[in-house]
Amino acid sequence: PFARILEISGHKELQVRVTAGGKKDKLVNLEGLVQRLNMLTGCQVMFTFQLPQSSDIEKALKESEKKHEISLCVEVRFLLEVLRQCRVLDLTVYQVYDYWCG
């Protein structure tokens, strides 16, 4: 791949929100995943979080073990490679924000 994005809307960094897990009965090794993402050039995990998937408290707690949201700070020039690696790592890319207030 020879394409490279240099800038988006005047910004050199973007916020990318990805999700790990959420697949049937598949637990996520969040610590290992965060390590792998932080090793990618131009990518830094800013924080992880979980959202309840159900109004039933017991079910929500059980499901929360499976699905994790991850917020990344990505340098624009490495965006395409980070997106490729998200696919390799079986992550779902939910949003790419064209700003970063970091």
N, C-alpha and C. Protein backbone atom coordinates (compact mmCIF):
# COMPACT_ATOMS: atom_id res chain seq x y z
N PRO A 1 0.82 -1.20 0.00
CA PRO A 1 0.00 0.00 0.00
C PRO A 1 0.86 1.26 0.00
N PHE A 2 0.68 2.07 -1.00
CA PHE A 2 1.50 3.26 -1.15
C PHE A 2 0.73 4.54 -0.84
N ALA A 3 -0.55 4.44 -0.58
CA ALA A 3 -1.35 5.63 -0.29
C ALA A 3 -1.09 6.08 1.14
N ARG A 4 -1.06 7.37 1.33
CA ARG A 4 -0.88 7.92 2.67
C ARG A 4 -1.67 9.22 2.76
N ILE A 5 -2.44 9.35 3.82
CA ILE A 5 -3.20 10.57 4.08
C ILE A 5 -2.31 11.46 4.94
N LEU A 6 -2.19 12.72 4.59
CA LEU A 6 -1.32 13.62 5.33
C LEU A 6 -2.07 14.50 6.33
N GLU A 7 -3.31 14.84 5.99
CA GLU A 7 -4.05 15.77 6.83
C GLU A 7 -5.55 15.61 6.57
N ILE A 8 -6.35 15.77 7.61
CA ILE A 8 -7.80 15.76 7.45
C ILE A 8 -8.34 16.97 8.19
N SER A 9 -9.03 17.83 7.46
CA SER A 9 -9.62 19.06 8.03
C SER A 9 -8.60 19.87 8.81
N GLY A 10 -7.36 19.88 8.37
CA GLY A 10 -6.32 20.65 9.04
C GLY A 10 -5.74 19.99 10.28
N HIS A 11 -6.15 18.77 10.58
CA HIS A 11 -5.69 18.08 11.78
C HIS A 11 -4.68 17.00 11.43
N LYS A 12 -3.74 16.79 12.31
CA LYS A 12 -2.73 15.75 12.13
C LYS A 12 -3.00 14.53 13.00
N GLU A 13 -3.97 14.64 13.91
CA GLU A 13 -4.37 13.51 14.76
C GLU A 13 -5.88 13.38 14.70
N LEU A 14 -6.35 12.15 14.84
CA LEU A 14 -7.77 11.85 14.83
C LEU A 14 -8.12 10.99 16.03
N GLN A 15 -9.38 11.00 16.39
CA GLN A 15 -9.87 10.07 17.40
C GLN A 15 -10.61 8.97 16.65
N VAL A 16 -10.24 7.74 16.92
CA VAL A 16 -10.88 6.58 16.29
C VAL A 16 -11.47 5.72 17.40
N ARG A 17 -12.76 5.42 17.27
CA ARG A 17 -13.42 4.57 18.26
C ARG A 17 -13.65 3.19 17.67
N VAL A 18 -13.12 2.19 18.36
CA VAL A 18 -13.27 0.81 17.91
C VAL A 18 -13.90 -0.03 19.01
N THR A 19 -14.45 -1.16 18.62
CA THR A 19 -15.05 -2.09 19.58
C THR A 19 -14.41 -3.45 19.42
N ALA A 20 -14.08 -4.03 20.56
CA ALA A 20 -13.53 -5.39 20.60
C ALA A 20 -14.58 -6.29 21.24
N GLY A 21 -14.74 -7.45 20.69
CA GLY A 21 -15.68 -8.41 21.27
C GLY A 21 -17.09 -8.18 20.80
N GLY A 22 -18.02 -8.63 21.63
CA GLY A 22 -19.42 -8.51 21.27
C GLY A 22 -19.90 -9.69 20.45
N LYS A 23 -18.97 -10.59 20.12
CA LYS A 23 -19.34 -11.78 19.38
C LYS A 23 -19.74 -12.86 20.37
N LYS A 24 -20.58 -13.75 19.96
CA LYS A 24 -21.13 -14.78 20.85
C LYS A 24 -20.06 -15.51 21.63
N ASP A 25 -20.20 -15.47 22.94
CA ASP A 25 -19.36 -16.26 23.87
C ASP A 25 -17.86 -16.10 23.65
N LYS A 26 -17.43 -14.97 23.10
CA LYS A 26 -16.01 -14.75 22.88
C LYS A 26 -15.52 -13.66 23.84
N LEU A 27 -14.67 -14.05 24.80
CA LEU A 27 -14.12 -13.08 25.74
C LEU A 27 -12.92 -12.39 25.10
N VAL A 28 -12.67 -11.17 25.51
CA VAL A 28 -11.59 -10.36 24.94
C VAL A 28 -10.45 -10.25 25.93
N ASN A 29 -9.22 -10.44 25.46
CA ASN A 29 -8.03 -10.18 26.27
C ASN A 29 -7.71 -8.70 26.07
N LEU A 30 -8.38 -7.86 26.86
CA LEU A 30 -8.27 -6.41 26.67
C LEU A 30 -6.84 -5.91 26.89
N GLU A 31 -6.17 -6.41 27.90
CA GLU A 31 -4.80 -5.96 28.19
C GLU A 31 -3.87 -6.26 27.01
N GLY A 32 -3.97 -7.46 26.46
CA GLY A 32 -3.13 -7.82 25.31
C GLY A 32 -3.47 -7.00 24.08
N LEU A 33 -4.75 -6.73 23.88
CA LEU A 33 -5.19 -5.93 22.74
C LEU A 33 -4.69 -4.49 22.84
N VAL A 34 -4.78 -3.92 24.04
CA VAL A 34 -4.28 -2.55 24.26
C VAL A 34 -2.78 -2.49 23.98
N GLN A 35 -2.05 -3.49 24.42
CA GLN A 35 -0.60 -3.55 24.15
C GLN A 35 -0.32 -3.57 22.65
N ARG A 36 -1.04 -4.41 21.93
CA ARG A 36 -0.83 -4.52 20.48
C ARG A 36 -1.17 -3.22 19.77
N LEU A 37 -2.25 -2.57 20.18
CA LEU A 37 -2.62 -1.29 19.56
C LEU A 37 -1.58 -0.22 19.85
N ASN A 38 -1.08 -0.18 21.07
CA ASN A 38 -0.06 0.82 21.43
C ASN A 38 1.26 0.58 20.69
N MET A 39 1.48 -0.63 20.21
CA MET A 39 2.71 -0.92 19.46
C MET A 39 2.63 -0.46 18.01
N LEU A 40 1.42 -0.16 17.53
CA LEU A 40 1.27 0.31 16.15
C LEU A 40 1.83 1.73 16.03
N THR A 41 2.58 1.97 15.00
CA THR A 41 3.14 3.31 14.77
C THR A 41 2.02 4.32 14.58
N GLY A 42 2.10 5.41 15.33
CA GLY A 42 1.13 6.50 15.20
C GLY A 42 -0.19 6.25 15.90
N CYS A 43 -0.25 5.25 16.76
CA CYS A 43 -1.50 4.89 17.44
C CYS A 43 -1.27 4.83 18.94
N GLN A 44 -2.17 5.45 19.70
CA GLN A 44 -2.09 5.40 21.15
C GLN A 44 -3.49 5.19 21.73
N VAL A 45 -3.63 4.18 22.57
CA VAL A 45 -4.90 3.96 23.25
C VAL A 45 -5.05 5.04 24.32
N MET A 46 -6.15 5.77 24.25
CA MET A 46 -6.38 6.85 25.21
C MET A 46 -7.17 6.33 26.42
N PHE A 47 -8.19 5.53 26.16
CA PHE A 47 -8.97 4.93 27.24
C PHE A 47 -9.86 3.83 26.68
N THR A 48 -10.34 2.98 27.60
CA THR A 48 -11.30 1.94 27.23
C THR A 48 -12.53 2.11 28.11
N PHE A 49 -13.65 1.65 27.62
CA PHE A 49 -14.87 1.73 28.42
C PHE A 49 -15.86 0.68 27.94
N GLN A 50 -16.90 0.50 28.74
CA GLN A 50 -17.95 -0.43 28.40
C GLN A 50 -19.30 0.23 28.59
N LEU A 51 -20.23 -0.10 27.73
CA LEU A 51 -21.59 0.41 27.82
C LEU A 51 -22.52 -0.75 28.12
N PRO A 52 -23.52 -0.54 28.96
CA PRO A 52 -24.47 -1.63 29.24
C PRO A 52 -25.23 -1.99 27.96
N GLN A 53 -25.42 -3.28 27.75
CA GLN A 53 -26.11 -3.75 26.56
C GLN A 53 -27.56 -4.13 26.84
N SER A 54 -27.97 -4.04 28.11
CA SER A 54 -29.31 -4.46 28.49
C SER A 54 -29.74 -3.69 29.73
N SER A 55 -31.05 -3.54 29.89
CA SER A 55 -31.54 -2.89 31.11
C SER A 55 -31.60 -3.88 32.28
N ASP A 56 -31.48 -5.16 31.98
CA ASP A 56 -31.42 -6.20 33.00
C ASP A 56 -30.00 -6.20 33.58
N ILE A 57 -29.84 -5.83 34.85
CA ILE A 57 -28.52 -5.64 35.45
C ILE A 57 -27.66 -6.89 35.36
N GLU A 58 -28.19 -8.05 35.69
CA GLU A 58 -27.40 -9.28 35.64
C GLU A 58 -26.93 -9.59 34.22
N LYS A 59 -27.84 -9.44 33.29
CA LYS A 59 -27.48 -9.70 31.88
C LYS A 59 -26.45 -8.69 31.39
N ALA A 60 -26.62 -7.43 31.78
CA ALA A 60 -25.68 -6.39 31.36
C ALA A 60 -24.28 -6.66 31.89
N LEU A 61 -24.17 -7.08 33.15
CA LEU A 61 -22.86 -7.39 33.73
C LEU A 61 -22.22 -8.57 33.03
N LYS A 62 -23.00 -9.57 32.71
CA LYS A 62 -22.49 -10.75 32.01
C LYS A 62 -22.00 -10.38 30.60
N GLU A 63 -22.79 -9.58 29.89
CA GLU A 63 -22.44 -9.18 28.53
C GLU A 63 -21.25 -8.22 28.50
N SER A 64 -21.09 -7.41 29.56
CA SER A 64 -20.02 -6.42 29.56
C SER A 64 -18.64 -7.05 29.57
N GLU A 65 -18.56 -8.32 29.95
CA GLU A 65 -17.28 -9.02 29.92
C GLU A 65 -16.83 -9.29 28.48
N LYS A 66 -17.75 -9.20 27.55
CA LYS A 66 -17.47 -9.59 26.18
C LYS A 66 -17.20 -8.42 25.23
N LYS A 67 -17.70 -7.23 25.53
CA LYS A 67 -17.60 -6.12 24.58
C LYS A 67 -16.92 -4.91 25.22
N HIS A 68 -15.89 -4.41 24.57
CA HIS A 68 -15.12 -3.27 25.08
C HIS A 68 -15.00 -2.20 24.00
N GLU A 69 -15.23 -0.97 24.38
CA GLU A 69 -15.02 0.18 23.50
C GLU A 69 -13.61 0.71 23.76
N ILE A 70 -12.91 1.08 22.69
CA ILE A 70 -11.54 1.57 22.82
C ILE A 70 -11.42 2.87 22.03
N SER A 71 -10.90 3.91 22.68
CA SER A 71 -10.68 5.19 22.03
C SER A 71 -9.20 5.32 21.71
N LEU A 72 -8.91 5.59 20.44
CA LEU A 72 -7.53 5.69 19.96
C LEU A 72 -7.23 7.11 19.50
N CYS A 73 -6.02 7.55 19.73
CA CYS A 73 -5.50 8.76 19.11
C CYS A 73 -4.59 8.27 17.99
N VAL A 74 -4.91 8.65 16.75
CA VAL A 74 -4.18 8.14 15.59
C VAL A 74 -3.63 9.32 14.79
N GLU A 75 -2.34 9.27 14.51
CA GLU A 75 -1.76 10.27 13.61
C GLU A 75 -2.33 10.01 12.21
N VAL A 76 -2.79 11.08 11.56
CA VAL A 76 -3.46 10.96 10.27
C VAL A 76 -2.61 10.18 9.26
N ARG A 77 -1.31 10.42 9.23
CA ARG A 77 -0.47 9.76 8.22
C ARG A 77 -0.39 8.25 8.42
N PHE A 78 -0.81 7.74 9.59
CA PHE A 78 -0.80 6.30 9.85
C PHE A 78 -2.21 5.72 9.90
N LEU A 79 -3.22 6.52 9.57
CA LEU A 79 -4.61 6.09 9.68
C LEU A 79 -4.90 4.82 8.88
N LEU A 80 -4.50 4.77 7.64
CA LEU A 80 -4.82 3.61 6.81
C LEU A 80 -4.23 2.33 7.37
N GLU A 81 -3.00 2.38 7.84
CA GLU A 81 -2.37 1.19 8.42
C GLU A 81 -3.05 0.77 9.71
N VAL A 82 -3.44 1.73 10.53
CA VAL A 82 -4.14 1.41 11.77
C VAL A 82 -5.49 0.75 11.45
N LEU A 83 -6.21 1.26 10.45
CA LEU A 83 -7.48 0.65 10.06
C LEU A 83 -7.27 -0.77 9.55
N ARG A 84 -6.20 -0.99 8.79
CA ARG A 84 -5.89 -2.36 8.32
C ARG A 84 -5.63 -3.28 9.50
N GLN A 85 -4.88 -2.80 10.47
CA GLN A 85 -4.55 -3.63 11.63
C GLN A 85 -5.79 -3.89 12.50
N CYS A 86 -6.71 -2.95 12.55
CA CYS A 86 -7.97 -3.17 13.28
C CYS A 86 -8.71 -4.35 12.67
N ARG A 87 -8.67 -4.45 11.37
CA ARG A 87 -9.31 -5.58 10.69
C ARG A 87 -8.62 -6.89 11.06
N VAL A 88 -7.29 -6.88 11.06
CA VAL A 88 -6.51 -8.06 11.43
C VAL A 88 -6.82 -8.48 12.87
N LEU A 89 -6.98 -7.50 13.75
CA LEU A 89 -7.24 -7.76 15.17
C LEU A 89 -8.72 -8.04 15.46
N ASP A 90 -9.54 -8.09 14.41
CA ASP A 90 -10.97 -8.36 14.53
C ASP A 90 -11.69 -7.30 15.35
N LEU A 91 -11.30 -6.04 15.15
CA LEU A 91 -11.95 -4.91 15.81
C LEU A 91 -12.96 -4.27 14.85
N THR A 92 -14.04 -3.76 15.38
CA THR A 92 -15.01 -3.04 14.58
C THR A 92 -14.73 -1.55 14.73
N VAL A 93 -14.54 -0.85 13.63
CA VAL A 93 -14.32 0.60 13.66
C VAL A 93 -15.69 1.26 13.62
N TYR A 94 -16.02 2.01 14.68
CA TYR A 94 -17.33 2.65 14.76
C TYR A 94 -17.31 4.09 14.28
N GLN A 95 -16.29 4.84 14.66
CA GLN A 95 -16.25 6.25 14.28
C GLN A 95 -14.82 6.72 14.11
N VAL A 96 -14.65 7.62 13.17
CA VAL A 96 -13.39 8.33 13.01
C VAL A 96 -13.74 9.81 13.10
N TYR A 97 -13.27 10.45 14.16
CA TYR A 97 -13.56 11.87 14.38
C TYR A 97 -12.43 12.69 13.76
N ASP A 98 -12.78 13.77 13.08
CA ASP A 98 -11.75 14.58 12.43
C ASP A 98 -11.18 15.66 13.35
N TYR A 99 -11.26 15.41 14.62
CA TYR A 99 -10.65 16.33 15.59
C TYR A 99 -10.14 15.54 16.77
N TRP A 100 -9.23 16.13 17.48
CA TRP A 100 -8.73 15.50 18.69
C TRP A 100 -8.42 16.62 19.67
N CYS A 101 -9.03 16.58 20.82
CA CYS A 101 -8.79 17.60 21.83
C CYS A 101 -7.84 17.05 22.87
N GLY A 102 -6.64 16.68 22.46
CA GLY A 102 -5.72 16.04 23.38
C GLY A 102 -4.56 16.92 23.73
